[in-house]
C-alpha atoms as a PDB file:
ATOM      1  CA  MET A   1      26.118  93.223 150.453  1.00  0.00           C
ATOM      2  CA  GLU A   2      25.886  96.866 149.362  1.00  0.00           C
ATOM      3  CA  LEU A   3      23.223  97.512 151.984  1.00  0.00           C
ATOM      4  CA  LYS A   4      25.443  96.109 154.714  1.00  0.00           C
ATOM      5  CA  LEU A   5      28.327  98.318 153.638  1.00  0.00           C
ATOM      6  CA  ARG A   6      26.065 101.379 153.594  1.00  0.00           C
ATOM      7  CA  ILE A   7      24.829 100.586 157.089  1.00  0.00           C
ATOM      8  CA  ILE A   8      28.397 100.140 158.300  1.00  0.00           C
ATOM      9  CA  SER A   9      29.431 103.436 156.712  1.00  0.00           C
ATOM     10  CA  THR A  10      26.494 105.217 158.326  1.00  0.00           C
ATOM     11  CA  ILE A  11      27.390 103.791 161.731  1.00  0.00           C
ATOM     12  CA  ILE A  12      30.974 104.936 161.286  1.00  0.00           C
ATOM     13  CA  VAL A  13      29.891 108.449 160.326  1.00  0.00           C
ATOM     14  CA  LEU A  14      27.474 108.662 163.244  1.00  0.00           C
ATOM     15  CA  SER A  15      30.174 107.413 165.596  1.00  0.00           C
ATOM     16  CA  LEU A  16      32.542 110.094 164.368  1.00  0.00           C
ATOM     17  CA  ILE A  17      29.895 112.799 164.783  1.00  0.00           C
ATOM     18  CA  ALA A  18      29.193 111.645 168.328  1.00  0.00           C
ATOM     19  CA  CYS A  19      32.878 111.855 169.111  1.00  0.00           C
ATOM     20  CA  ASN A  20      33.073 115.582 168.248  1.00  0.00           C
ATOM     21  CA  ASN A  21      32.276 116.459 171.862  1.00  0.00           C
ATOM     22  CA  GLN A  22      35.138 114.323 173.161  1.00  0.00           C
ATOM     23  CA  SER A  23      38.801 115.179 173.167  1.00  0.00           C
ATOM     24  CA  GLU A  24      40.700 114.938 169.895  1.00  0.00           C
ATOM     25  CA  GLU A  25      42.614 111.899 171.100  1.00  0.00           C
ATOM     26  CA  LYS A  26      39.445 109.975 171.955  1.00  0.00           C
ATOM     27  CA  ALA A  27      37.895 110.934 168.615  1.00  0.00           C
ATOM     28  CA  GLU A  28      40.954 109.677 166.749  1.00  0.00           C
ATOM     29  CA  GLN A  29      40.865 106.395 168.666  1.00  0.00           C
ATOM     30  CA  ALA A  30      37.157 105.984 167.899  1.00  0.00           C
ATOM     31  CA  LYS A  31      37.888 106.600 164.212  1.00  0.00           C
ATOM     32  CA  LEU A  32      40.624 103.966 164.225  1.00  0.00           C
ATOM     33  CA  ASP A  33      38.337 101.522 166.027  1.00  0.00           C
ATOM     34  CA  SER A  34      35.568 102.142 163.485  1.00  0.00           C
ATOM     35  CA  ILE A  35      37.966 101.561 160.610  1.00  0.00           C
ATOM     36  CA  ARG A  36      39.199  98.357 162.227  1.00  0.00           C
ATOM     37  CA  ILE A  37      35.617  97.132 162.708  1.00  0.00           C
ATOM     38  CA  ALA A  38      34.673  98.054 159.132  1.00  0.00           C
ATOM     39  CA  ASP A  39      37.766  96.252 157.837  1.00  0.00           C
ATOM     40  CA  SER A  40      36.848  93.163 159.849  1.00  0.00           C
ATOM     41  CA  ILE A  41      33.290  93.179 158.533  1.00  0.00           C
ATOM     42  CA  THR A  42      34.539  93.642 154.964  1.00  0.00           C
ATOM     43  CA  PHE A  43      36.928  90.714 155.450  1.00  0.00           C
ATOM     44  CA  VAL A  44      34.098  88.479 156.693  1.00  0.00           C
ATOM     45  CA  LEU A  45      31.830  89.507 153.800  1.00  0.00           C
ATOM     46  CA  GLU A  46      34.584  88.728 151.294  1.00  0.00           C
ATOM     47  CA  LYS A  47      35.087  85.297 152.877  1.00  0.00           C
ATOM     48  CA  GLU A  48      31.319  84.669 152.676  1.00  0.00           C
ATOM     49  CA  ARG A  49      31.401  85.514 148.952  1.00  0.00           C
ATOM     50  CA  VAL A  50      34.266  83.074 148.415  1.00  0.00           C
ATOM     51  CA  ILE A  51      32.415  80.345 150.307  1.00  0.00           C
ATOM     52  CA  ASP A  52      29.250  81.023 148.298  1.00  0.00           C
ATOM     53  CA  SER A  53      31.232  80.800 145.043  1.00  0.00           C
ATOM     54  CA  ILE A  54      32.817  77.520 146.088  1.00  0.00           C
ATOM     55  CA  GLN A  55      29.389  76.134 147.026  1.00  0.00           C
ATOM     56  CA  ALA A  56      27.960  77.193 143.650  1.00  0.00           C
ATOM     57  CA  ILE A  57      30.788  75.393 141.866  1.00  0.00           C
ATOM     58  CA  ALA A  58      30.259  72.288 144.008  1.00  0.00           C
ATOM     59  CA  ASP A  59      26.542  72.371 143.193  1.00  0.00           C
ATOM     60  CA  GLU A  60      27.278  72.658 139.463  1.00  0.00           C
ATOM     61  CA  GLN A  61      29.726  69.773 139.661  1.00  0.00           C
ATOM     62  CA  GLN A  62      27.104  67.655 141.410  1.00  0.00           C
ATOM     63  CA  ILE A  63      24.576  68.442 138.655  1.00  0.00           C
ATOM     64  CA  ILE A  64      27.121  67.429 136.004  1.00  0.00           C
ATOM     65  CA  SER A  65      27.969  64.264 137.915  1.00  0.00           C
ATOM     66  CA  ASP A  66      24.292  63.354 138.254  1.00  0.00           C
ATOM     67  CA  SER A  67      23.749  63.998 134.549  1.00  0.00           C
ATOM     68  CA  ILE A  68      26.668  61.756 133.601  1.00  0.00           C
ATOM     69  CA  GLN A  69      25.412  59.058 135.968  1.00  0.00           C
ATOM     70  CA  ASN A  70      21.964  59.223 134.387  1.00  0.00           C
ATOM     71  CA  GLN A  71      23.472  58.899 130.912  1.00  0.00           C
ATOM     72  CA  VAL A  72      25.505  55.861 131.977  1.00  0.00           C
ATOM     73  CA  SER A  73      22.493  54.245 133.685  1.00  0.00           C
ATOM     74  CA  ASN A  74      20.274  54.659 130.620  1.00  0.00           C
END
């Protein structure tokens, strides 16, 4: 996750540097677009972490359920 955020940050910085030759208005719009994209990516990464956590809990519950079933069967 940290690597993805570093890559995103680098892309944003490079985008801003490339915009120095453009007018100030275009550079500001590019900055806002980069922030919006970075926010969207961060949102997706957070949702992935939540989904992964939920899956881990479901897996643990399945292990517990299987263990209980084995105890009852024996």
